[in-house]
C-alpha cells in the first residue's frame, strides 16, 4: 500500500517535469494570431517526450484509481 503512494509521488514529479520540458513554441503570440505552424509534426526527442507524458499520465491515473479503491475497501 505504501509503495503505491511512493510510486504515485515519483510519477507525479516525473509528469510535471515532462510537461515543463515540452517546448511551448511562441507563447502568448499565438493568441493574437502570431503562430503560423500550429499543425506541425513532432520529431525526435520532442515526440519521445510527448509519448512519455501520455504514458506517465495514464500511469498516474491508474495508480490513483488503485489507491482510491484500496483505501475505500
PDB file of N, CA and C in Angstrom:
ATOM      1  N   UNK A   1       0.824  -1.191   0.000  1.00  0.00           N
ATOM      2  CA  UNK A   1       0.000   0.000   0.000  1.00  0.00           C
ATOM      3  C   UNK A   1       0.865   1.251   0.000  1.00  0.00           C
ATOM      4  N   UNK A   2       1.867   1.260   0.852  1.00  0.00           N
ATOM      5  CA  UNK A   2       2.753   2.419   0.948  1.00  0.00           C
ATOM      6  C   UNK A   2       3.571   2.593  -0.334  1.00  0.00           C
ATOM      7  N   UNK A   3       3.909   1.469  -0.961  1.00  0.00           N
ATOM      8  CA  UNK A   3       4.713   1.548  -2.187  1.00  0.00           C
ATOM      9  C   UNK A   3       3.934   2.194  -3.336  1.00  0.00           C
ATOM     10  N   UNK A   4       2.613   2.002  -3.337  1.00  0.00           N
ATOM     11  CA  UNK A   4       1.798   2.656  -4.365  1.00  0.00           C
ATOM     12  C   UNK A   4       1.812   4.169  -4.194  1.00  0.00           C
ATOM     13  N   UNK A   5       1.780   4.623  -2.962  1.00  0.00           N
ATOM     14  CA  UNK A   5       1.809   6.060  -2.706  1.00  0.00           C
ATOM     15  C   UNK A   5       3.162   6.657  -3.096  1.00  0.00           C
ATOM     16  N   UNK A   6       4.240   5.942  -2.812  1.00  0.00           N
ATOM     17  CA  UNK A   6       5.574   6.416  -3.198  1.00  0.00           C
ATOM     18  C   UNK A   6       5.698   6.447  -4.721  1.00  0.00           C
ATOM     19  N   UNK A   7       5.189   5.406  -5.379  1.00  0.00           N
ATOM     20  CA  UNK A   7       5.210   5.374  -6.842  1.00  0.00           C
ATOM     21  C   UNK A   7       4.376   6.513  -7.419  1.00  0.00           C
ATOM     22  N   UNK A   8       3.255   6.828  -6.780  1.00  0.00           N
ATOM     23  CA  UNK A   8       2.403   7.910  -7.249  1.00  0.00           C
ATOM     24  C   UNK A   8       3.122   9.252  -7.138  1.00  0.00           C
ATOM     25  N   UNK A   9       3.850   9.475  -6.066  1.00  0.00           N
ATOM     26  CA  UNK A   9       4.603  10.719  -5.902  1.00  0.00           C
ATOM     27  C   UNK A   9       5.704  10.824  -6.945  1.00  0.00           C
ATOM     28  N   UNK A  10       6.424   9.733  -7.179  1.00  0.00           N
ATOM     29  CA  UNK A  10       7.506   9.739  -8.174  1.00  0.00           C
ATOM     30  C   UNK A  10       6.954  10.001  -9.569  1.00  0.00           C
ATOM     31  N   UNK A  11       5.847   9.363  -9.904  1.00  0.00           N
ATOM     32  CA  UNK A  11       5.246   9.565 -11.226  1.00  0.00           C
ATOM     33  C   UNK A  11       4.706  10.985 -11.354  1.00  0.00           C
ATOM     34  N   UNK A  12       4.146  11.532 -10.277  1.00  0.00           N
ATOM     35  CA  UNK A  12       3.631  12.900 -10.328  1.00  0.00           C
ATOM     36  C   UNK A  12       4.750  13.904 -10.595  1.00  0.00           C
ATOM     37  N   UNK A  13       5.881  13.739  -9.927  1.00  0.00           N
ATOM     38  CA  UNK A  13       7.021  14.635 -10.148  1.00  0.00           C
ATOM     39  C   UNK A  13       7.561  14.465 -11.573  1.00  0.00           C
ATOM     40  N   UNK A  14       7.651  13.223 -12.035  1.00  0.00           N
ATOM     41  CA  UNK A  14       8.123  12.961 -13.403  1.00  0.00           C
ATOM     42  C   UNK A  14       7.174  13.558 -14.434  1.00  0.00           C
ATOM     43  N   UNK A  15       5.883  13.462 -14.178  1.00  0.00           N
ATOM     44  CA  UNK A  15       4.889  14.024 -15.097  1.00  0.00           C
ATOM     45  C   UNK A  15       4.997  15.541 -15.151  1.00  0.00           C
ATOM     46  N   UNK A  16       5.200  16.175 -14.002  1.00  0.00           N
ATOM     47  CA  UNK A  16       5.371  17.628 -14.002  1.00  0.00           C
ATOM     48  C   UNK A  16       6.616  18.036 -14.782  1.00  0.00           C
ATOM     49  N   UNK A  17       7.706  17.307 -14.596  1.00  0.00           N
ATOM     50  CA  UNK A  17       8.938  17.621 -15.338  1.00  0.00           C
ATOM     51  C   UNK A  17       8.750  17.422 -16.840  1.00  0.00           C
ATOM     52  N   UNK A  18       8.076  16.347 -17.216  1.00  0.00           N
ATOM     53  CA  UNK A  18       7.854  16.081 -18.643  1.00  0.00           C
ATOM     54  C   UNK A  18       6.999  17.171 -19.274  1.00  0.00           C
ATOM     55  N   UNK A  19       6.006  17.654 -18.539  1.00  0.00           N
ATOM     56  CA  UNK A  19       5.153  18.726 -19.065  1.00  0.00           C
ATOM     57  C   UNK A  19       5.940  20.023 -19.183  1.00  0.00           C
ATOM     58  N   UNK A  20       6.755  20.324 -18.171  1.00  0.00           N
ATOM     59  CA  UNK A  20       7.517  21.572 -18.195  1.00  0.00           C
ATOM     60  C   UNK A  20       8.624  21.565 -19.252  1.00  0.00           C
ATOM     61  N   UNK A  21       9.131  20.381 -19.599  1.00  0.00           N
ATOM     62  CA  UNK A  21      10.205  20.301 -20.589  1.00  0.00           C
ATOM     63  C   UNK A  21       9.711  20.438 -22.024  1.00  0.00           C
ATOM     64  N   UNK A  22       8.427  20.285 -22.233  1.00  0.00           N
ATOM     65  CA  UNK A  22       7.910  20.380 -23.595  1.00  0.00           C
ATOM     66  C   UNK A  22       8.011  21.809 -24.096  1.00  0.00           C
ATOM     67  N   UNK A  23       8.335  21.927 -25.356  1.00  0.00           N
ATOM     68  CA  UNK A  23       8.512  23.234 -25.981  1.00  0.00           C
ATOM     69  C   UNK A  23       7.161  23.902 -26.180  1.00  0.00           C
ATOM     70  N   UNK A  24       7.027  25.099 -25.663  1.00  0.00           N
ATOM     71  CA  UNK A  24       5.765  25.833 -25.782  1.00  0.00           C
ATOM     72  C   UNK A  24       5.656  26.596 -27.096  1.00  0.00           C
ATOM     73  N   UNK A  25       6.716  26.725 -27.821  1.00  0.00           N
ATOM     74  CA  UNK A  25       6.648  27.411 -29.104  1.00  0.00           C
ATOM     75  C   UNK A  25       6.691  28.915 -28.957  1.00  0.00           C
ATOM     76  N   UNK A  26       5.603  29.578 -29.348  1.00  0.00           N
ATOM     77  CA  UNK A  26       5.600  31.031 -29.419  1.00  0.00           C
ATOM     78  C   UNK A  26       4.984  31.714 -28.210  1.00  0.00           C
ATOM     79  N   UNK A  27       4.450  30.972 -27.280  1.00  0.00           N
ATOM     80  CA  UNK A  27       3.901  31.587 -26.074  1.00  0.00           C
ATOM     81  C   UNK A  27       2.589  32.292 -26.323  1.00  0.00           C
ATOM     82  N   UNK A  28       2.479  33.533 -25.849  1.00  0.00           N
ATOM     83  CA  UNK A  28       1.226  34.275 -25.943  1.00  0.00           C
ATOM     84  C   UNK A  28       0.967  34.873 -27.318  1.00  0.00           C
ATOM     85  N   UNK A  29       1.948  34.872 -28.188  1.00  0.00           N
ATOM     86  CA  UNK A  29       1.717  35.462 -29.504  1.00  0.00           C
ATOM     87  C   UNK A  29       0.729  34.638 -30.327  1.00  0.00           C
ATOM     88  N   UNK A  30       0.520  33.370 -29.954  1.00  0.00           N
ATOM     89  CA  UNK A  30      -0.468  32.553 -30.651  1.00  0.00           C
ATOM     90  C   UNK A  30      -1.882  33.035 -30.422  1.00  0.00           C
ATOM     91  N   UNK A  31      -2.119  33.709 -29.317  1.00  0.00           N
ATOM     92  CA  UNK A  31      -3.450  34.236 -29.035  1.00  0.00           C
ATOM     93  C   UNK A  31      -3.806  35.334 -30.033  1.00  0.00           C
ATOM     94  N   UNK A  32      -2.828  36.113 -30.417  1.00  0.00           N
ATOM     95  CA  UNK A  32      -3.055  37.253 -31.304  1.00  0.00           C
ATOM     96  C   UNK A  32      -2.790  36.924 -32.770  1.00  0.00           C
ATOM     97  N   UNK A  33      -2.681  35.645 -33.098  1.00  0.00           N
ATOM     98  CA  UNK A  33      -2.518  35.236 -34.482  1.00  0.00           C
ATOM     99  C   UNK A  33      -1.077  35.212 -34.951  1.00  0.00           C
ATOM    100  N   UNK A  34      -0.125  35.145 -34.064  1.00  0.00           N
ATOM    101  CA  UNK A  34       1.279  35.189 -34.455  1.00  0.00           C
ATOM    102  C   UNK A  34       1.881  33.853 -34.822  1.00  0.00           C
ATOM    103  N   UNK A  35       1.190  32.750 -34.546  1.00  0.00           N
ATOM    104  CA  UNK A  35       1.792  31.453 -34.853  1.00  0.00           C
ATOM    105  C   UNK A  35       1.253  30.934 -36.172  1.00  0.00           C
ATOM    106  N   UNK A  36       2.160  30.562 -37.048  1.00  0.00           N
ATOM    107  CA  UNK A  36       1.745  30.050 -38.336  1.00  0.00           C
ATOM    108  C   UNK A  36       1.898  28.550 -38.456  1.00  0.00           C
ATOM    109  N   UNK A  37       2.588  27.912 -37.515  1.00  0.00           N
ATOM    110  CA  UNK A  37       2.851  26.483 -37.618  1.00  0.00           C
ATOM    111  C   UNK A  37       2.107  25.720 -36.519  1.00  0.00           C
ATOM    112  N   UNK A  38       0.804  25.822 -36.516  1.00  0.00           N
ATOM    113  CA  UNK A  38       0.000  25.169 -35.485  1.00  0.00           C
ATOM    114  C   UNK A  38      -0.024  23.662 -35.700  1.00  0.00           C
ATOM    115  N   UNK A  39      -0.094  23.226 -36.937  1.00  0.00           N
ATOM    116  CA  UNK A  39      -0.234  21.804 -37.246  1.00  0.00           C
ATOM    117  C   UNK A  39       1.087  21.190 -37.701  1.00  0.00           C
ATOM    118  N   UNK A  40       2.134  21.384 -36.929  1.00  0.00           N
ATOM    119  CA  UNK A  40       3.410  20.789 -37.307  1.00  0.00           C
ATOM    120  C   UNK A  40       3.573  19.437 -36.620  1.00  0.00           C
ATOM    121  N   UNK A  41       4.436  18.606 -37.169  1.00  0.00           N
ATOM    122  CA  UNK A  41       4.629  17.279 -36.600  1.00  0.00           C
ATOM    123  C   UNK A  41       5.753  17.299 -35.583  1.00  0.00           C
ATOM    124  N   UNK A  42       5.665  16.387 -34.629  1.00  0.00           N
ATOM    125  CA  UNK A  42       6.705  16.260 -33.613  1.00  0.00           C
ATOM    126  C   UNK A  42       7.745  15.273 -34.116  1.00  0.00           C
ATOM    127  N   UNK A  43       9.014  15.588 -33.846  1.00  0.00           N
ATOM    128  CA  UNK A  43      10.102  14.720 -34.298  1.00  0.00           C
ATOM    129  C   UNK A  43      11.129  14.565 -33.208  1.00  0.00           C
ATOM    130  N   UNK A  44      11.847  13.459 -33.245  1.00  0.00           N
ATOM    131  CA  UNK A  44      12.976  13.236 -32.353  1.00  0.00           C
ATOM    132  C   UNK A  44      12.603  13.223 -30.881  1.00  0.00           C
ATOM    133  N   UNK A  45      13.373  13.979 -30.098  1.00  0.00           N
ATOM    134  CA  UNK A  45      13.192  13.997 -28.656  1.00  0.00           C
ATOM    135  C   UNK A  45      11.854  14.605 -28.268  1.00  0.00           C
ATOM    136  N   UNK A  46      11.336  15.525 -29.074  1.00  0.00           N
ATOM    137  CA  UNK A  46      10.036  16.138 -28.790  1.00  0.00           C
ATOM    138  C   UNK A  46       8.925  15.099 -28.852  1.00  0.00           C
ATOM    139  N   UNK A  47       8.998  14.194 -29.814  1.00  0.00           N
ATOM    140  CA  UNK A  47       7.996  13.141 -29.944  1.00  0.00           C
ATOM    141  C   UNK A  47       8.103  12.151 -28.788  1.00  0.00           C
ATOM    142  N   UNK A  48       9.329  11.787 -28.409  1.00  0.00           N
ATOM    143  CA  UNK A  48       9.527  10.858 -27.301  1.00  0.00           C
ATOM    144  C   UNK A  48       9.036  11.460 -25.979  1.00  0.00           C
ATOM    145  N   UNK A  49       9.271  12.739 -25.790  1.00  0.00           N
ATOM    146  CA  UNK A  49       8.810  13.418 -24.586  1.00  0.00           C
ATOM    147  C   UNK A  49       7.288  13.492 -24.556  1.00  0.00           C
ATOM    148  N   UNK A  50       6.679  13.693 -25.708  1.00  0.00           N
ATOM    149  CA  UNK A  50       5.220  13.722 -25.812  1.00  0.00           C
ATOM    150  C   UNK A  50       4.620  12.363 -25.454  1.00  0.00           C
ATOM    151  N   UNK A  51       5.204  11.292 -25.984  1.00  0.00           N
ATOM    152  CA  UNK A  51       4.727   9.937 -25.692  1.00  0.00           C
ATOM    153  C   UNK A  51       4.954   9.599 -24.224  1.00  0.00           C
ATOM    154  N   UNK A  52       6.097  10.006 -23.680  1.00  0.00           N
ATOM    155  CA  UNK A  52       6.391   9.777 -22.263  1.00  0.00           C
ATOM    156  C   UNK A  52       5.374  10.488 -21.373  1.00  0.00           C
ATOM    157  N   UNK A  53       4.970  11.692 -21.757  1.00  0.00           N
ATOM    158  CA  UNK A  53       3.973  12.431 -20.996  1.00  0.00           C
ATOM    159  C   UNK A  53       2.637  11.702 -20.979  1.00  0.00           C
ATOM    160  N   UNK A  54       2.245  11.145 -22.100  1.00  0.00           N
ATOM    161  CA  UNK A  54       0.996  10.385 -22.173  1.00  0.00           C
ATOM    162  C   UNK A  54       1.081   9.136 -21.298  1.00  0.00           C
ATOM    163  N   UNK A  55       2.192   8.420 -21.384  1.00  0.00           N
ATOM    164  CA  UNK A  55       2.371   7.202 -20.584  1.00  0.00           C
ATOM    165  C   UNK A  55       2.353   7.525 -19.094  1.00  0.00           C
ATOM    166  N   UNK A  56       3.060   8.578 -18.697  1.00  0.00           N
ATOM    167  CA  UNK A  56       3.079   8.966 -17.289  1.00  0.00           C
ATOM    168  C   UNK A  56       1.695   9.391 -16.807  1.00  0.00           C
ATOM    169  N   UNK A  57       0.944  10.068 -17.656  1.00  0.00           N
ATOM    170  CA  UNK A  57      -0.412  10.466 -17.297  1.00  0.00           C
ATOM    171  C   UNK A  57      -1.320   9.264 -17.076  1.00  0.00           C
ATOM    172  N   UNK A  58      -1.221   8.269 -17.938  1.00  0.00           N
ATOM    173  CA  UNK A  58      -2.026   7.055 -17.796  1.00  0.00           C
ATOM    174  C   UNK A  58      -1.612   6.291 -16.534  1.00  0.00           C
ATOM    175  N   UNK A  59      -0.308   6.189 -16.290  1.00  0.00           N
ATOM    176  CA  UNK A  59       0.174   5.521 -15.080  1.00  0.00           C
ATOM    177  C   UNK A  59      -0.297   6.240 -13.821  1.00  0.00           C
ATOM    178  N   UNK A  60      -0.218   7.560 -13.816  1.00  0.00           N
ATOM    179  CA  UNK A  60      -0.650   8.328 -12.655  1.00  0.00           C
ATOM    180  C   UNK A  60      -2.133   8.116 -12.389  1.00  0.00           C
ATOM    181  N   UNK A  61      -2.936   8.154 -13.440  1.00  0.00           N
ATOM    182  CA  UNK A  61      -4.371   7.938 -13.287  1.00  0.00           C
ATOM    183  C   UNK A  61      -4.656   6.531 -12.776  1.00  0.00           C
ATOM    184  N   UNK A  62      -3.968   5.538 -13.313  1.00  0.00           N
ATOM    185  CA  UNK A  62      -4.186   4.148 -12.902  1.00  0.00           C
ATOM    186  C   UNK A  62      -3.810   3.925 -11.441  1.00  0.00           C
ATOM    187  N   UNK A  63      -2.671   4.461 -11.035  1.00  0.00           N
ATOM    188  CA  UNK A  63      -2.248   4.291  -9.651  1.00  0.00           C
ATOM    189  C   UNK A  63      -3.163   5.064  -8.708  1.00  0.00           C
ATOM    190  N   UNK A  64      -3.611   6.230  -9.119  1.00  0.00           N
ATOM    191  CA  UNK A  64      -4.544   6.990  -8.288  1.00  0.00           C
ATOM    192  C   UNK A  64      -5.846   6.223  -8.097  1.00  0.00           C
ATOM    193  N   UNK A  65      -6.339   5.616  -9.149  1.00  0.00           N
ATOM    194  CA  UNK A  65      -7.551   4.826  -9.063  1.00  0.00           C
ATOM    195  C   UNK A  65      -7.349   3.609  -8.172  1.00  0.00           C
ATOM    196  N   UNK A  66      -6.195   2.942  -8.288  1.00  0.00           N
ATOM    197  CA  UNK A  66      -5.906   1.776  -7.458  1.00  0.00           C
ATOM    198  C   UNK A  66      -5.808   2.159  -5.981  1.00  0.00           C
ATOM    199  N   UNK A  67      -5.138   3.271  -5.685  1.00  0.00           N
ATOM    200  CA  UNK A  67      -5.032   3.723  -4.292  1.00  0.00           C
ATOM    201  C   UNK A  67      -6.414   4.054  -3.739  1.00  0.00           C
ATOM    202  N   UNK A  68      -7.233   4.704  -4.527  1.00  0.00           N
ATOM    203  CA  UNK A  68      -8.573   5.064  -4.078  1.00  0.00           C
ATOM    204  C   UNK A  68      -9.408   3.815  -3.783  1.00  0.00           C
ATOM    205  N   UNK A  69      -9.331   2.832  -4.672  1.00  0.00           N
ATOM    206  CA  UNK A  69     -10.117   1.617  -4.470  1.00  0.00           C
ATOM    207  C   UNK A  69      -9.602   0.809  -3.289  1.00  0.00           C
ATOM    208  N   UNK A  70      -8.306   0.783  -3.077  1.00  0.00           N
ATOM    209  CA  UNK A  70      -7.763   0.035  -1.949  1.00  0.00           C
ATOM    210  C   UNK A  70      -8.072   0.688  -0.622  1.00  0.00           C
ATOM    211  N   UNK A  71      -8.091   2.013  -0.573  1.00  0.00           N
ATOM    212  CA  UNK A  71      -8.400   2.691   0.677  1.00  0.00           C
ATOM    213  C   UNK A  71      -9.899   2.674   0.975  1.00  0.00           C
ATOM    214  N   UNK A  72     -10.712   2.567  -0.067  1.00  0.00           N
ATOM    215  CA  UNK A  72     -12.162   2.567   0.126  1.00  0.00           C
ATOM    216  C   UNK A  72     -12.625   1.275   0.789  1.00  0.00           C
ATOM    217  N   UNK A  73     -12.009   0.179   0.394  1.00  0.00           N
ATOM    218  CA  UNK A  73     -12.469  -1.125   0.881  1.00  0.00           C
ATOM    219  C   UNK A  73     -11.802  -1.634   2.084  1.00  0.00           C
TER     220      UNK A  73
END
